[in-house]
């Protein structure tokens, strides 16, 4: 049986003071170091294994995960300067996010950082690493992370320009069993992407299946789907007429 985590108000003081001491030393080093006066960027060092952090946490994995995430977020601020996220080695960054997630698997925070903060890069290789991290962790805990995968699907389409990846992520949301509570709008992302790809027949088939199977019970959702169905059928009809001419 998993140990119950201690409430945040009953955290071991040595852990808190130890972390604050290390953080203070790091900040002082960057402030007074000759390198800091030259504004030289200090690369992100590799994290320790999650098992090490969990051992040090002494039963306070929630706090440890939060402190590690805070340490990671502070990395872009060095010697009083803010550095672009593009200076970070994203392979090391993903390793940090992975280890933090394993320290506290019940936290959404590392995934939130991945989808909202570190995905704001124009470098496609870095963005692919971040989206891969999001997808892997959704596979481990879909109920906890479905929001982040929905965001990742949109990011894959609009920022990465990888429609195949976006559709694959959207399909994972759509095909989750009923035991995973995901709102219908998130399950509907795939047919919206298919319509944008001009795969109108596939989008129509998905909507018709949803309506005929009574999988959608909300009246507003049904109205939305019927409106999309009519729109896509009309577009498909006009497209075929144009091809015939």
C-alpha atoms as a PDB file:
ATOM      1  CA  UNK A   1       0.000   0.000   0.000  1.00  0.00           C
ATOM      2  CA  UNK A   2       1.274   3.446  -0.871  1.00  0.00           C
ATOM      3  CA  UNK A   3       2.323   5.675   2.014  1.00  0.00           C
ATOM      4  CA  UNK A   4       0.053   8.618   2.690  1.00  0.00           C
ATOM      5  CA  UNK A   5       1.790  11.908   1.891  1.00  0.00           C
ATOM      6  CA  UNK A   6       2.160  14.379   4.720  1.00  0.00           C
ATOM      7  CA  UNK A   7       0.045  17.540   4.688  1.00  0.00           C
ATOM      8  CA  UNK A   8       1.961  20.607   3.540  1.00  0.00           C
ATOM      9  CA  UNK A   9       1.563  22.174   7.005  1.00  0.00           C
ATOM     10  CA  UNK A  10       3.389  19.234   8.610  1.00  0.00           C
ATOM     11  CA  UNK A  11       6.452  19.114   6.353  1.00  0.00           C
ATOM     12  CA  UNK A  12       9.875  18.266   7.804  1.00  0.00           C
ATOM     13  CA  UNK A  13      11.676  21.556   8.475  1.00  0.00           C
ATOM     14  CA  UNK A  14      15.146  20.157   7.640  1.00  0.00           C
ATOM     15  CA  UNK A  15      13.948  19.462   4.109  1.00  0.00           C
ATOM     16  CA  UNK A  16      12.537  22.967   3.681  1.00  0.00           C
ATOM     17  CA  UNK A  17      15.578  24.720   5.157  1.00  0.00           C
ATOM     18  CA  UNK A  18      17.959  22.504   3.232  1.00  0.00           C
ATOM     19  CA  UNK A  19      16.328  23.316  -0.081  1.00  0.00           C
ATOM     20  CA  UNK A  20      16.217  27.052   0.693  1.00  0.00           C
ATOM     21  CA  UNK A  21      19.910  26.956   1.644  1.00  0.00           C
ATOM     22  CA  UNK A  22      20.907  25.261  -1.613  1.00  0.00           C
ATOM     23  CA  UNK A  23      18.772  27.694  -3.604  1.00  0.00           C
ATOM     24  CA  UNK A  24      20.285  30.702  -1.794  1.00  0.00           C
ATOM     25  CA  UNK A  25      23.841  29.462  -2.411  1.00  0.00           C
ATOM     26  CA  UNK A  26      23.055  28.994  -6.090  1.00  0.00           C
ATOM     27  CA  UNK A  27      21.602  32.507  -6.405  1.00  0.00           C
ATOM     28  CA  UNK A  28      24.544  34.062  -4.537  1.00  0.00           C
ATOM     29  CA  UNK A  29      27.017  32.178  -6.716  1.00  0.00           C
ATOM     30  CA  UNK A  30      25.412  33.481  -9.884  1.00  0.00           C
ATOM     31  CA  UNK A  31      25.256  37.016  -8.471  1.00  0.00           C
ATOM     32  CA  UNK A  32      28.872  37.306  -7.324  1.00  0.00           C
ATOM     33  CA  UNK A  33      30.590  35.024  -9.786  1.00  0.00           C
ATOM     34  CA  UNK A  34      32.849  36.721 -12.382  1.00  0.00           C
ATOM     35  CA  UNK A  35      30.961  34.770 -14.988  1.00  0.00           C
ATOM     36  CA  UNK A  36      27.719  36.461 -13.949  1.00  0.00           C
ATOM     37  CA  UNK A  37      29.176  39.894 -14.723  1.00  0.00           C
ATOM     38  CA  UNK A  38      29.793  38.693 -18.260  1.00  0.00           C
ATOM     39  CA  UNK A  39      26.210  37.387 -18.426  1.00  0.00           C
ATOM     40  CA  UNK A  40      27.299  33.915 -19.417  1.00  0.00           C
ATOM     41  CA  UNK A  41      24.485  31.418 -19.510  1.00  0.00           C
ATOM     42  CA  UNK A  42      24.890  28.439 -17.174  1.00  0.00           C
ATOM     43  CA  UNK A  43      23.547  25.270 -18.841  1.00  0.00           C
ATOM     44  CA  UNK A  44      20.873  23.221 -17.128  1.00  0.00           C
ATOM     45  CA  UNK A  45      22.506  20.320 -15.303  1.00  0.00           C
ATOM     46  CA  UNK A  46      21.027  16.829 -15.453  1.00  0.00           C
ATOM     47  CA  UNK A  47      18.654  15.829 -12.636  1.00  0.00           C
ATOM     48  CA  UNK A  48      19.165  12.985 -10.217  1.00  0.00           C
ATOM     49  CA  UNK A  49      16.971   9.915 -10.453  1.00  0.00           C
ATOM     50  CA  UNK A  50      13.456  10.235  -9.014  1.00  0.00           C
ATOM     51  CA  UNK A  51      14.190   7.470  -6.503  1.00  0.00           C
ATOM     52  CA  UNK A  52      16.917   9.644  -4.974  1.00  0.00           C
ATOM     53  CA  UNK A  53      14.603  12.622  -4.589  1.00  0.00           C
ATOM     54  CA  UNK A  54      11.859  10.437  -3.122  1.00  0.00           C
ATOM     55  CA  UNK A  55      14.311   9.068  -0.561  1.00  0.00           C
ATOM     56  CA  UNK A  56      15.362  12.573   0.472  1.00  0.00           C
ATOM     57  CA  UNK A  57      11.709  13.706   0.626  1.00  0.00           C
ATOM     58  CA  UNK A  58      11.085  11.607   3.755  1.00  0.00           C
ATOM     59  CA  UNK A  59       7.442  11.011   2.844  1.00  0.00           C
ATOM     60  CA  UNK A  60       6.799  14.520   1.473  1.00  0.00           C
ATOM     61  CA  UNK A  61       6.840  13.762  -2.242  1.00  0.00           C
ATOM     62  CA  UNK A  62       4.338  16.532  -3.009  1.00  0.00           C
ATOM     63  CA  UNK A  63       6.608  19.179  -1.538  1.00  0.00           C
ATOM     64  CA  UNK A  64       9.705  17.722  -3.162  1.00  0.00           C
ATOM     65  CA  UNK A  65       8.013  17.712  -6.568  1.00  0.00           C
ATOM     66  CA  UNK A  66       6.955  21.328  -6.090  1.00  0.00           C
ATOM     67  CA  UNK A  67      10.442  22.439  -5.001  1.00  0.00           C
ATOM     68  CA  UNK A  68      12.075  20.673  -7.941  1.00  0.00           C
ATOM     69  CA  UNK A  69       9.637  22.311 -10.357  1.00  0.00           C
ATOM     70  CA  UNK A  70      10.394  25.685  -8.757  1.00  0.00           C
ATOM     71  CA  UNK A  71      14.126  25.088  -9.134  1.00  0.00           C
ATOM     72  CA  UNK A  72      13.590  24.233 -12.793  1.00  0.00           C
ATOM     73  CA  UNK A  73      11.499  27.339 -13.458  1.00  0.00           C
ATOM     74  CA  UNK A  74      14.137  29.572 -11.850  1.00  0.00           C
ATOM     75  CA  UNK A  75      16.809  28.321 -14.239  1.00  0.00           C
ATOM     76  CA  UNK A  76      16.012  30.935 -16.888  1.00  0.00           C
ATOM     77  CA  UNK A  77      16.765  33.697 -14.330  1.00  0.00           C
ATOM     78  CA  UNK A  78      20.525  33.965 -13.788  1.00  0.00           C
ATOM     79  CA  UNK A  79      22.611  36.827 -12.415  1.00  0.00           C
ATOM     80  CA  UNK A  80      19.600  39.115 -12.523  1.00  0.00           C
ATOM     81  CA  UNK A  81      18.941  38.364 -16.205  1.00  0.00           C
ATOM     82  CA  UNK A  82      16.264  36.334 -17.911  1.00  0.00           C
ATOM     83  CA  UNK A  83      17.470  34.003 -20.629  1.00  0.00           C
ATOM     84  CA  UNK A  84      15.419  32.622 -23.486  1.00  0.00           C
ATOM     85  CA  UNK A  85      14.050  29.101 -23.097  1.00  0.00           C
ATOM     86  CA  UNK A  86      15.725  28.340 -26.420  1.00  0.00           C
ATOM     87  CA  UNK A  87      19.071  28.265 -24.598  1.00  0.00           C
ATOM     88  CA  UNK A  88      17.932  25.250 -22.593  1.00  0.00           C
ATOM     89  CA  UNK A  89      18.932  21.777 -23.687  1.00  0.00           C
ATOM     90  CA  UNK A  90      15.441  20.363 -24.171  1.00  0.00           C
ATOM     91  CA  UNK A  91      16.612  16.773 -23.777  1.00  0.00           C
ATOM     92  CA  UNK A  92      17.823  17.655 -20.261  1.00  0.00           C
ATOM     93  CA  UNK A  93      14.668  19.707 -19.677  1.00  0.00           C
ATOM     94  CA  UNK A  94      12.435  16.746 -20.542  1.00  0.00           C
ATOM     95  CA  UNK A  95      14.517  14.560 -18.222  1.00  0.00           C
ATOM     96  CA  UNK A  96      13.833  17.033 -15.401  1.00  0.00           C
ATOM     97  CA  UNK A  97      10.102  16.979 -16.125  1.00  0.00           C
ATOM     98  CA  UNK A  98      10.109  13.172 -16.249  1.00  0.00           C
ATOM     99  CA  UNK A  99      11.906  12.861 -12.900  1.00  0.00           C
ATOM    100  CA  UNK A 100       9.627  15.437 -11.231  1.00  0.00           C
ATOM    101  CA  UNK A 101       6.594  13.536 -12.527  1.00  0.00           C
ATOM    102  CA  UNK A 102       7.939  10.295 -11.074  1.00  0.00           C
ATOM    103  CA  UNK A 103       8.610  11.953  -7.723  1.00  0.00           C
ATOM    104  CA  UNK A 104       4.928  12.921  -7.496  1.00  0.00           C
ATOM    105  CA  UNK A 105       2.865  11.046 -10.134  1.00  0.00           C
ATOM    106  CA  UNK A 106      -0.374  12.658  -8.894  1.00  0.00           C
ATOM    107  CA  UNK A 107       0.718  16.168  -9.889  1.00  0.00           C
ATOM    108  CA  UNK A 108      -0.337  17.857 -13.135  1.00  0.00           C
ATOM    109  CA  UNK A 109       2.232  20.622 -12.731  1.00  0.00           C
ATOM    110  CA  UNK A 110       5.094  19.226 -14.874  1.00  0.00           C
ATOM    111  CA  UNK A 111       2.613  18.561 -17.700  1.00  0.00           C
ATOM    112  CA  UNK A 112       1.235  22.086 -17.321  1.00  0.00           C
ATOM    113  CA  UNK A 113       4.757  23.494 -17.639  1.00  0.00           C
ATOM    114  CA  UNK A 114       5.279  21.379 -20.751  1.00  0.00           C
ATOM    115  CA  UNK A 115       2.079  22.445 -22.537  1.00  0.00           C
ATOM    116  CA  UNK A 116       1.860  26.080 -21.428  1.00  0.00           C
ATOM    117  CA  UNK A 117       5.452  27.234 -20.850  1.00  0.00           C
ATOM    118  CA  UNK A 118       8.111  25.121 -22.539  1.00  0.00           C
ATOM    119  CA  UNK A 119       6.030  24.546 -25.686  1.00  0.00           C
ATOM    120  CA  UNK A 120       6.462  28.236 -26.510  1.00  0.00           C
ATOM    121  CA  UNK A 121       9.414  27.587 -28.789  1.00  0.00           C
ATOM    122  CA  UNK A 122       9.759  27.943 -32.541  1.00  0.00           C
ATOM    123  CA  UNK A 123      12.314  25.148 -32.712  1.00  0.00           C
ATOM    124  CA  UNK A 124      10.427  22.123 -34.041  1.00  0.00           C
ATOM    125  CA  UNK A 125      12.859  19.542 -32.669  1.00  0.00           C
ATOM    126  CA  UNK A 126      12.475  20.989 -29.159  1.00  0.00           C
ATOM    127  CA  UNK A 127       8.706  21.123 -29.556  1.00  0.00           C
ATOM    128  CA  UNK A 128       8.621  17.477 -30.652  1.00  0.00           C
ATOM    129  CA  UNK A 129      10.468  16.481 -27.466  1.00  0.00           C
ATOM    130  CA  UNK A 130       7.955  18.373 -25.326  1.00  0.00           C
ATOM    131  CA  UNK A 131       4.931  16.904 -27.111  1.00  0.00           C
ATOM    132  CA  UNK A 132       6.432  13.444 -26.782  1.00  0.00           C
ATOM    133  CA  UNK A 133       6.725  13.954 -23.029  1.00  0.00           C
ATOM    134  CA  UNK A 134       3.062  14.997 -22.836  1.00  0.00           C
ATOM    135  CA  UNK A 135       1.857  12.025 -24.872  1.00  0.00           C
ATOM    136  CA  UNK A 136       3.889   9.492 -22.852  1.00  0.00           C
ATOM    137  CA  UNK A 137       2.508  10.750 -19.573  1.00  0.00           C
ATOM    138  CA  UNK A 138      -1.038  10.820 -20.893  1.00  0.00           C
ATOM    139  CA  UNK A 139      -0.630   7.133 -21.752  1.00  0.00           C
ATOM    140  CA  UNK A 140       0.391   6.470 -18.132  1.00  0.00           C
ATOM    141  CA  UNK A 141      -2.473   8.448 -16.562  1.00  0.00           C
ATOM    142  CA  UNK A 142      -5.160   9.489 -19.094  1.00  0.00           C
ATOM    143  CA  UNK A 143      -7.673  10.598 -16.478  1.00  0.00           C
ATOM    144  CA  UNK A 144      -5.172  13.003 -14.947  1.00  0.00           C
ATOM    145  CA  UNK A 145      -3.657  14.367 -18.153  1.00  0.00           C
ATOM    146  CA  UNK A 146      -6.379  14.459 -20.836  1.00  0.00           C
ATOM    147  CA  UNK A 147      -6.438  18.280 -20.817  1.00  0.00           C
ATOM    148  CA  UNK A 148      -2.749  18.446 -21.604  1.00  0.00           C
ATOM    149  CA  UNK A 149      -3.087  15.979 -24.499  1.00  0.00           C
ATOM    150  CA  UNK A 150      -5.959  18.037 -25.930  1.00  0.00           C
ATOM    151  CA  UNK A 151      -3.696  21.107 -25.785  1.00  0.00           C
ATOM    152  CA  UNK A 152      -0.822  19.124 -27.282  1.00  0.00           C
ATOM    153  CA  UNK A 153      -3.013  18.094 -30.234  1.00  0.00           C
ATOM    154  CA  UNK A 154      -3.746  21.746 -31.004  1.00  0.00           C
ATOM    155  CA  UNK A 155      -0.060  22.652 -30.571  1.00  0.00           C
ATOM    156  CA  UNK A 156       0.977  19.834 -32.919  1.00  0.00           C
ATOM    157  CA  UNK A 157      -1.305  21.189 -35.620  1.00  0.00           C
ATOM    158  CA  UNK A 158      -0.797  24.932 -35.295  1.00  0.00           C
ATOM    159  CA  UNK A 159       2.769  25.287 -33.983  1.00  0.00           C
ATOM    160  CA  UNK A 160       4.482  22.156 -35.202  1.00  0.00           C
ATOM    161  CA  UNK A 161       2.489  21.751 -38.414  1.00  0.00           C
ATOM    162  CA  UNK A 162       2.365  17.985 -37.892  1.00  0.00           C
ATOM    163  CA  UNK A 163      -1.221  17.050 -38.700  1.00  0.00           C
ATOM    164  CA  UNK A 164      -0.545  13.329 -38.471  1.00  0.00           C
ATOM    165  CA  UNK A 165       0.717  13.714 -34.898  1.00  0.00           C
ATOM    166  CA  UNK A 166      -2.209  15.977 -34.023  1.00  0.00           C
ATOM    167  CA  UNK A 167      -4.693  13.407 -35.352  1.00  0.00           C
ATOM    168  CA  UNK A 168      -2.969  10.586 -33.491  1.00  0.00           C
ATOM    169  CA  UNK A 169      -3.253  12.451 -30.200  1.00  0.00           C
ATOM    170  CA  UNK A 170      -6.875  13.368 -30.880  1.00  0.00           C
ATOM    171  CA  UNK A 171      -7.664   9.737 -31.683  1.00  0.00           C
ATOM    172  CA  UNK A 172      -6.263   8.653 -28.317  1.00  0.00           C
ATOM    173  CA  UNK A 173      -8.708  11.015 -26.624  1.00  0.00           C
ATOM    174  CA  UNK A 174     -11.607   9.779 -28.722  1.00  0.00           C
ATOM    175  CA  UNK A 175     -10.909   6.100 -28.078  1.00  0.00           C
ATOM    176  CA  UNK A 176     -10.574   6.279 -24.296  1.00  0.00           C
ATOM    177  CA  UNK A 177     -13.063   3.958 -22.548  1.00  0.00           C
ATOM    178  CA  UNK A 178     -16.138   5.377 -20.844  1.00  0.00           C
ATOM    179  CA  UNK A 179     -14.482   4.752 -17.475  1.00  0.00           C
ATOM    180  CA  UNK A 180     -12.125   7.652 -18.280  1.00  0.00           C
ATOM    181  CA  UNK A 181     -14.156  10.817 -17.734  1.00  0.00           C
ATOM    182  CA  UNK A 182     -13.332  13.090 -20.667  1.00  0.00           C
ATOM    183  CA  UNK A 183     -15.798  15.740 -21.894  1.00  0.00           C
ATOM    184  CA  UNK A 184     -17.216  15.215 -25.343  1.00  0.00           C
ATOM    185  CA  UNK A 185     -15.545  18.303 -26.799  1.00  0.00           C
ATOM    186  CA  UNK A 186     -12.151  16.722 -26.097  1.00  0.00           C
ATOM    187  CA  UNK A 187     -13.229  13.437 -27.679  1.00  0.00           C
ATOM    188  CA  UNK A 188     -14.479  15.406 -30.728  1.00  0.00           C
ATOM    189  CA  UNK A 189     -11.159  17.040 -31.565  1.00  0.00           C
ATOM    190  CA  UNK A 190     -10.279  14.416 -34.184  1.00  0.00           C
ATOM    191  CA  UNK A 191     -13.261  14.992 -36.442  1.00  0.00           C
ATOM    192  CA  UNK A 192     -12.645  18.750 -36.289  1.00  0.00           C
ATOM    193  CA  UNK A 193      -9.060  18.156 -37.417  1.00  0.00           C
ATOM    194  CA  UNK A 194     -10.211  15.789 -40.153  1.00  0.00           C
ATOM    195  CA  UNK A 195     -12.566  18.434 -41.498  1.00  0.00           C
ATOM    196  CA  UNK A 196      -9.736  20.951 -41.589  1.00  0.00           C
ATOM    197  CA  UNK A 197      -7.677  18.394 -43.518  1.00  0.00           C
ATOM    198  CA  UNK A 198     -10.548  18.150 -45.997  1.00  0.00           C
ATOM    199  CA  UNK A 199     -11.130  14.543 -44.894  1.00  0.00           C
ATOM    200  CA  UNK A 200     -14.822  15.336 -44.861  1.00  0.00           C
ATOM    201  CA  UNK A 201     -16.055  11.774 -45.357  1.00  0.00           C
ATOM    202  CA  UNK A 202     -14.153  10.565 -42.280  1.00  0.00           C
ATOM    203  CA  UNK A 203     -15.408  13.485 -40.208  1.00  0.00           C
ATOM    204  CA  UNK A 204     -19.004  12.842 -41.302  1.00  0.00           C
ATOM    205  CA  UNK A 205     -18.725   9.135 -40.470  1.00  0.00           C
ATOM    206  CA  UNK A 206     -17.415   9.892 -36.968  1.00  0.00           C
ATOM    207  CA  UNK A 207     -20.210  12.380 -36.245  1.00  0.00           C
ATOM    208  CA  UNK A 208     -22.912  10.052 -37.546  1.00  0.00           C
ATOM    209  CA  UNK A 209     -21.558   7.252 -35.358  1.00  0.00           C
ATOM    210  CA  UNK A 210     -21.587   9.494 -32.299  1.00  0.00           C
ATOM    211  CA  UNK A 211     -25.178  10.579 -32.916  1.00  0.00           C
ATOM    212  CA  UNK A 212     -26.495   7.098 -33.734  1.00  0.00           C
ATOM    213  CA  UNK A 213     -24.811   5.398 -30.777  1.00  0.00           C
ATOM    214  CA  UNK A 214     -26.333   7.800 -28.238  1.00  0.00           C
ATOM    215  CA  UNK A 215     -22.828   8.429 -26.909  1.00  0.00           C
ATOM    216  CA  UNK A 216     -23.689  12.136 -26.692  1.00  0.00           C
ATOM    217  CA  UNK A 217     -26.476  12.952 -24.233  1.00  0.00           C
ATOM    218  CA  UNK A 218     -26.076  16.703 -23.812  1.00  0.00           C
ATOM    219  CA  UNK A 219     -28.613  18.632 -25.936  1.00  0.00           C
ATOM    220  CA  UNK A 220     -26.181  21.454 -26.732  1.00  0.00           C
ATOM    221  CA  UNK A 221     -23.520  18.952 -27.784  1.00  0.00           C
ATOM    222  CA  UNK A 222     -26.003  17.162 -30.055  1.00  0.00           C
ATOM    223  CA  UNK A 223     -26.994  20.482 -31.626  1.00  0.00           C
ATOM    224  CA  UNK A 224     -23.341  21.316 -32.179  1.00  0.00           C
ATOM    225  CA  UNK A 225     -22.669  17.940 -33.816  1.00  0.00           C
ATOM    226  CA  UNK A 226     -25.726  18.170 -36.080  1.00  0.00           C
ATOM    227  CA  UNK A 227     -24.642  21.632 -37.176  1.00  0.00           C
ATOM    228  CA  UNK A 228     -21.153  20.347 -38.002  1.00  0.00           C
ATOM    229  CA  UNK A 229     -22.634  17.325 -39.796  1.00  0.00           C
ATOM    230  CA  UNK A 230     -24.810  19.513 -42.015  1.00  0.00           C
ATOM    231  CA  UNK A 231     -21.877  21.850 -42.728  1.00  0.00           C
ATOM    232  CA  UNK A 232     -19.517  19.026 -43.689  1.00  0.00           C
ATOM    233  CA  UNK A 233     -22.134  17.273 -45.830  1.00  0.00           C
ATOM    234  CA  UNK A 234     -22.751  20.533 -47.678  1.00  0.00           C
ATOM    235  CA  UNK A 235     -19.017  21.095 -48.211  1.00  0.00           C
ATOM    236  CA  UNK A 236     -18.580  17.513 -49.458  1.00  0.00           C
ATOM    237  CA  UNK A 237     -21.504  17.915 -51.864  1.00  0.00           C
ATOM    238  CA  UNK A 238     -20.105  21.181 -53.252  1.00  0.00           C
ATOM    239  CA  UNK A 239     -16.629  19.655 -53.576  1.00  0.00           C
ATOM    240  CA  UNK A 240     -17.938  16.704 -55.572  1.00  0.00           C
ATOM    241  CA  UNK A 241     -19.978  18.953 -57.832  1.00  0.00           C
ATOM    242  CA  UNK A 242     -16.901  21.094 -58.514  1.00  0.00           C
ATOM    243  CA  UNK A 243     -14.886  17.989 -59.416  1.00  0.00           C
ATOM    244  CA  UNK A 244     -17.627  16.772 -61.752  1.00  0.00           C
ATOM    245  CA  UNK A 245     -17.552  20.070 -63.572  1.00  0.00           C
END
